[in-house]
Amino acid sequence: MAKQTFRKLHRQIAPILFLPLFISAITGIAYRLGKSWFGLSPDVAEIFMNIHQGKYLGDQLKSVYVLLNGLGLIGMIVTGMIMTGIFRPKRNKQEEMGP
């Protein structure tokens, strides 16, 4: 696939994945730091973990949410890394300057 194809795919998927990934990251950080550093009560910590794991969606959709969140993150990482060009073969200086 061309670099533009990955750029287009990345640009289309990013707005959809932003909110679930952001919520998962914030609640995961809040849970861990809240318990470790701030002595968060177990009730409040459970609220953060329920949001982080998608338990509010119910037993059926929770697994789907986690799966799509993980696959979406992997997809964004792969398309982002491909767009950086780190997998492109290195060129000689003569090729860069032209004939």
N, C-alpha and C. Protein backbone atom coordinates (compact mmCIF):
# COMPACT_ATOMS: atom_id res chain seq x y z
N MET A 1 0.84 -1.19 0.00
CA MET A 1 0.00 0.00 0.00
C MET A 1 0.87 1.24 0.00
N ALA A 2 0.37 2.26 -0.63
CA ALA A 2 1.11 3.51 -0.70
C ALA A 2 1.02 4.27 0.62
N LYS A 3 1.99 5.15 0.82
CA LYS A 3 2.03 5.94 2.04
C LYS A 3 0.75 6.78 2.19
N GLN A 4 0.23 7.27 1.06
CA GLN A 4 -0.99 8.08 1.12
C GLN A 4 -2.20 7.26 1.56
N THR A 5 -2.20 5.98 1.23
CA THR A 5 -3.30 5.12 1.64
C THR A 5 -3.30 4.97 3.17
N PHE A 6 -2.12 4.75 3.74
CA PHE A 6 -2.03 4.65 5.19
C PHE A 6 -2.37 5.98 5.86
N ARG A 7 -1.96 7.06 5.25
CA ARG A 7 -2.28 8.39 5.80
C ARG A 7 -3.79 8.61 5.82
N LYS A 8 -4.45 8.23 4.72
CA LYS A 8 -5.91 8.39 4.63
C LYS A 8 -6.61 7.51 5.66
N LEU A 9 -6.17 6.24 5.77
CA LEU A 9 -6.75 5.32 6.74
C LEU A 9 -6.55 5.84 8.16
N HIS A 10 -5.35 6.30 8.47
CA HIS A 10 -5.03 6.84 9.79
C HIS A 10 -5.92 8.06 10.10
N ARG A 11 -6.07 8.93 9.13
CA ARG A 11 -6.86 10.14 9.31
C ARG A 11 -8.34 9.83 9.51
N GLN A 12 -8.85 8.77 8.88
CA GLN A 12 -10.27 8.42 9.01
C GLN A 12 -10.56 7.70 10.32
N ILE A 13 -9.63 6.87 10.77
CA ILE A 13 -9.87 6.07 11.97
C ILE A 13 -9.57 6.84 13.26
N ALA A 14 -8.62 7.74 13.22
CA ALA A 14 -8.19 8.46 14.42
C ALA A 14 -9.31 9.18 15.17
N PRO A 15 -10.19 9.92 14.50
CA PRO A 15 -11.26 10.58 15.25
C PRO A 15 -12.23 9.61 15.94
N ILE A 16 -12.41 8.45 15.34
CA ILE A 16 -13.32 7.45 15.92
C ILE A 16 -12.69 6.83 17.16
N LEU A 17 -11.40 6.57 17.11
CA LEU A 17 -10.72 5.90 18.22
C LEU A 17 -10.26 6.83 19.31
N PHE A 18 -10.24 8.11 19.05
CA PHE A 18 -9.69 9.05 20.03
C PHE A 18 -10.39 8.94 21.37
N LEU A 19 -11.69 9.05 21.41
CA LEU A 19 -12.42 9.09 22.68
C LEU A 19 -12.27 7.79 23.48
N PRO A 20 -12.51 6.61 22.89
CA PRO A 20 -12.32 5.39 23.69
C PRO A 20 -10.90 5.20 24.21
N LEU A 21 -9.90 5.49 23.38
CA LEU A 21 -8.52 5.34 23.82
C LEU A 21 -8.16 6.38 24.89
N PHE A 22 -8.65 7.59 24.73
CA PHE A 22 -8.39 8.65 25.71
C PHE A 22 -9.01 8.31 27.06
N ILE A 23 -10.26 7.86 27.04
CA ILE A 23 -10.95 7.49 28.27
C ILE A 23 -10.24 6.33 28.95
N SER A 24 -9.84 5.34 28.17
CA SER A 24 -9.14 4.19 28.73
C SER A 24 -7.81 4.61 29.36
N ALA A 25 -7.08 5.46 28.69
CA ALA A 25 -5.79 5.92 29.22
C ALA A 25 -5.97 6.74 30.50
N ILE A 26 -6.90 7.68 30.49
CA ILE A 26 -7.10 8.56 31.65
C ILE A 26 -7.59 7.77 32.86
N THR A 27 -8.57 6.88 32.66
CA THR A 27 -9.08 6.12 33.80
C THR A 27 -8.05 5.11 34.31
N GLY A 28 -7.25 4.54 33.42
CA GLY A 28 -6.19 3.63 33.86
C GLY A 28 -5.14 4.35 34.69
N ILE A 29 -4.74 5.52 34.24
CA ILE A 29 -3.77 6.33 34.99
C ILE A 29 -4.35 6.78 36.32
N ALA A 30 -5.59 7.24 36.29
CA ALA A 30 -6.24 7.71 37.52
C ALA A 30 -6.38 6.58 38.54
N TYR A 31 -6.72 5.39 38.05
CA TYR A 31 -6.85 4.24 38.96
C TYR A 31 -5.51 3.92 39.61
N ARG A 32 -4.47 3.74 38.80
CA ARG A 32 -3.18 3.32 39.35
C ARG A 32 -2.56 4.37 40.24
N LEU A 33 -2.53 5.63 39.79
CA LEU A 33 -1.93 6.68 40.61
C LEU A 33 -2.78 6.99 41.83
N GLY A 34 -4.10 6.92 41.64
CA GLY A 34 -4.99 7.18 42.77
C GLY A 34 -4.80 6.18 43.89
N LYS A 35 -4.66 4.91 43.54
CA LYS A 35 -4.45 3.88 44.57
C LYS A 35 -3.04 3.96 45.15
N SER A 36 -2.05 4.14 44.31
CA SER A 36 -0.65 4.10 44.78
C SER A 36 -0.23 5.36 45.52
N TRP A 37 -0.56 6.51 44.98
CA TRP A 37 -0.05 7.76 45.53
C TRP A 37 -1.02 8.50 46.43
N PHE A 38 -2.30 8.41 46.11
CA PHE A 38 -3.26 9.27 46.81
C PHE A 38 -4.20 8.52 47.73
N GLY A 39 -4.01 7.21 47.89
CA GLY A 39 -4.84 6.44 48.81
C GLY A 39 -6.31 6.48 48.46
N LEU A 40 -6.61 6.33 47.19
CA LEU A 40 -7.99 6.37 46.70
C LEU A 40 -8.82 5.30 47.38
N SER A 41 -10.03 5.64 47.77
CA SER A 41 -10.90 4.65 48.42
C SER A 41 -11.27 3.56 47.42
N PRO A 42 -11.51 2.35 47.91
CA PRO A 42 -11.85 1.25 47.01
C PRO A 42 -13.10 1.51 46.16
N ASP A 43 -14.05 2.26 46.68
CA ASP A 43 -15.27 2.55 45.91
C ASP A 43 -14.98 3.43 44.69
N VAL A 44 -14.19 4.47 44.90
CA VAL A 44 -13.84 5.36 43.80
C VAL A 44 -12.92 4.64 42.82
N ALA A 45 -11.99 3.85 43.33
CA ALA A 45 -11.09 3.10 42.46
C ALA A 45 -11.89 2.12 41.59
N GLU A 46 -12.92 1.52 42.15
CA GLU A 46 -13.76 0.60 41.39
C GLU A 46 -14.49 1.31 40.25
N ILE A 47 -14.91 2.55 40.49
CA ILE A 47 -15.57 3.33 39.44
C ILE A 47 -14.60 3.55 38.27
N PHE A 48 -13.37 3.96 38.58
CA PHE A 48 -12.37 4.15 37.53
C PHE A 48 -12.11 2.86 36.76
N MET A 49 -12.01 1.74 37.47
CA MET A 49 -11.73 0.48 36.81
C MET A 49 -12.92 0.02 35.97
N ASN A 50 -14.14 0.25 36.43
CA ASN A 50 -15.33 -0.10 35.64
C ASN A 50 -15.37 0.68 34.33
N ILE A 51 -15.03 1.95 34.39
CA ILE A 51 -15.00 2.76 33.16
C ILE A 51 -13.85 2.29 32.27
N HIS A 52 -12.69 2.04 32.87
CA HIS A 52 -11.51 1.63 32.12
C HIS A 52 -11.75 0.33 31.35
N GLN A 53 -12.43 -0.61 31.98
CA GLN A 53 -12.67 -1.92 31.36
C GLN A 53 -13.93 -1.97 30.52
N GLY A 54 -14.74 -0.92 30.53
CA GLY A 54 -15.96 -0.90 29.73
C GLY A 54 -17.08 -1.71 30.33
N LYS A 55 -17.08 -1.91 31.65
CA LYS A 55 -18.13 -2.71 32.30
C LYS A 55 -19.50 -2.06 32.20
N TYR A 56 -19.55 -0.76 31.99
CA TYR A 56 -20.82 -0.06 31.87
C TYR A 56 -21.58 -0.48 30.60
N LEU A 57 -20.91 -1.15 29.68
CA LEU A 57 -21.55 -1.60 28.44
C LEU A 57 -22.25 -2.95 28.62
N GLY A 58 -22.04 -3.62 29.73
CA GLY A 58 -22.64 -4.93 29.97
C GLY A 58 -21.67 -6.04 29.59
N ASP A 59 -22.03 -7.26 29.97
CA ASP A 59 -21.14 -8.40 29.76
C ASP A 59 -20.90 -8.70 28.29
N GLN A 60 -21.90 -8.53 27.45
CA GLN A 60 -21.75 -8.87 26.03
C GLN A 60 -20.84 -7.87 25.30
N LEU A 61 -21.06 -6.59 25.51
CA LEU A 61 -20.31 -5.57 24.77
C LEU A 61 -18.95 -5.24 25.37
N LYS A 62 -18.75 -5.62 26.63
CA LYS A 62 -17.46 -5.32 27.27
C LYS A 62 -16.30 -5.95 26.51
N SER A 63 -16.44 -7.20 26.14
CA SER A 63 -15.37 -7.89 25.41
C SER A 63 -15.16 -7.28 24.03
N VAL A 64 -16.25 -6.90 23.39
CA VAL A 64 -16.15 -6.28 22.07
C VAL A 64 -15.44 -4.93 22.18
N TYR A 65 -15.78 -4.16 23.21
CA TYR A 65 -15.15 -2.86 23.43
C TYR A 65 -13.64 -3.01 23.63
N VAL A 66 -13.24 -3.96 24.46
CA VAL A 66 -11.82 -4.17 24.73
C VAL A 66 -11.11 -4.63 23.45
N LEU A 67 -11.72 -5.55 22.72
CA LEU A 67 -11.13 -6.04 21.48
C LEU A 67 -10.96 -4.92 20.46
N LEU A 68 -12.01 -4.15 20.22
CA LEU A 68 -11.93 -3.06 19.24
C LEU A 68 -10.96 -1.97 19.68
N ASN A 69 -10.92 -1.69 20.97
CA ASN A 69 -10.00 -0.69 21.49
C ASN A 69 -8.55 -1.15 21.25
N GLY A 70 -8.26 -2.40 21.54
CA GLY A 70 -6.91 -2.92 21.35
C GLY A 70 -6.52 -2.99 19.88
N LEU A 71 -7.42 -3.51 19.04
CA LEU A 71 -7.13 -3.59 17.61
C LEU A 71 -6.97 -2.20 16.99
N GLY A 72 -7.80 -1.26 17.44
CA GLY A 72 -7.70 0.10 16.94
C GLY A 72 -6.37 0.73 17.31
N LEU A 73 -5.93 0.50 18.54
CA LEU A 73 -4.64 1.05 18.97
C LEU A 73 -3.51 0.44 18.16
N ILE A 74 -3.54 -0.87 17.95
CA ILE A 74 -2.51 -1.52 17.14
C ILE A 74 -2.52 -0.96 15.72
N GLY A 75 -3.72 -0.78 15.15
CA GLY A 75 -3.82 -0.22 13.81
C GLY A 75 -3.26 1.19 13.72
N MET A 76 -3.53 2.00 14.71
CA MET A 76 -3.01 3.38 14.70
C MET A 76 -1.49 3.37 14.83
N ILE A 77 -0.96 2.48 15.64
CA ILE A 77 0.50 2.39 15.80
C ILE A 77 1.14 1.96 14.49
N VAL A 78 0.58 0.93 13.85
CA VAL A 78 1.16 0.41 12.61
C VAL A 78 1.11 1.47 11.51
N THR A 79 -0.05 2.09 11.30
CA THR A 79 -0.15 3.10 10.24
C THR A 79 0.74 4.30 10.55
N GLY A 80 0.83 4.68 11.81
CA GLY A 80 1.70 5.79 12.19
C GLY A 80 3.16 5.49 11.94
N MET A 81 3.58 4.26 12.28
CA MET A 81 4.97 3.89 12.07
C MET A 81 5.30 3.81 10.58
N ILE A 82 4.38 3.30 9.79
CA ILE A 82 4.61 3.22 8.35
C ILE A 82 4.73 4.62 7.75
N MET A 83 3.92 5.55 8.23
CA MET A 83 3.99 6.91 7.70
C MET A 83 5.30 7.61 8.05
N THR A 84 5.95 7.19 9.14
CA THR A 84 7.22 7.83 9.49
C THR A 84 8.32 7.46 8.52
N GLY A 85 8.18 6.32 7.84
CA GLY A 85 9.18 5.91 6.88
C GLY A 85 10.32 5.10 7.46
N ILE A 86 10.18 4.62 8.69
CA ILE A 86 11.28 3.87 9.29
C ILE A 86 11.47 2.50 8.65
N PHE A 87 10.49 2.03 7.90
CA PHE A 87 10.60 0.74 7.23
C PHE A 87 11.07 0.88 5.78
N ARG A 88 11.28 2.10 5.34
CA ARG A 88 11.73 2.36 3.98
C ARG A 88 13.22 2.06 3.85
N PRO A 89 13.62 1.45 2.75
CA PRO A 89 15.07 1.21 2.59
C PRO A 89 15.83 2.52 2.50
N LYS A 90 17.01 2.52 3.05
CA LYS A 90 17.84 3.73 3.02
C LYS A 90 18.35 3.98 1.61
N ARG A 91 18.40 5.27 1.26
CA ARG A 91 18.89 5.65 -0.08
C ARG A 91 20.31 6.18 0.01
N ASN A 92 21.02 6.05 -1.08
CA ASN A 92 22.35 6.63 -1.17
C ASN A 92 22.23 8.15 -1.35
N LYS A 93 23.25 8.89 -1.02
CA LYS A 93 23.22 10.33 -1.20
C LYS A 93 23.12 10.70 -2.66
N GLN A 94 23.68 9.89 -3.57
CA GLN A 94 23.60 10.17 -5.00
C GLN A 94 22.15 10.07 -5.47
N GLU A 95 21.40 9.10 -4.96
CA GLU A 95 20.00 8.94 -5.36
C GLU A 95 19.16 10.12 -4.88
N GLU A 96 19.48 10.65 -3.70
CA GLU A 96 18.72 11.78 -3.16
C GLU A 96 18.97 13.05 -3.99
N MET A 97 20.19 13.24 -4.48
CA MET A 97 20.53 14.45 -5.23
C MET A 97 20.06 14.39 -6.66
N GLY A 98 19.82 13.21 -7.19
CA GLY A 98 19.37 13.09 -8.57
C GLY A 98 20.53 13.00 -9.52
N PRO A 99 20.23 12.89 -10.86
CA PRO A 99 21.30 12.74 -11.86
C PRO A 99 22.07 14.01 -12.12
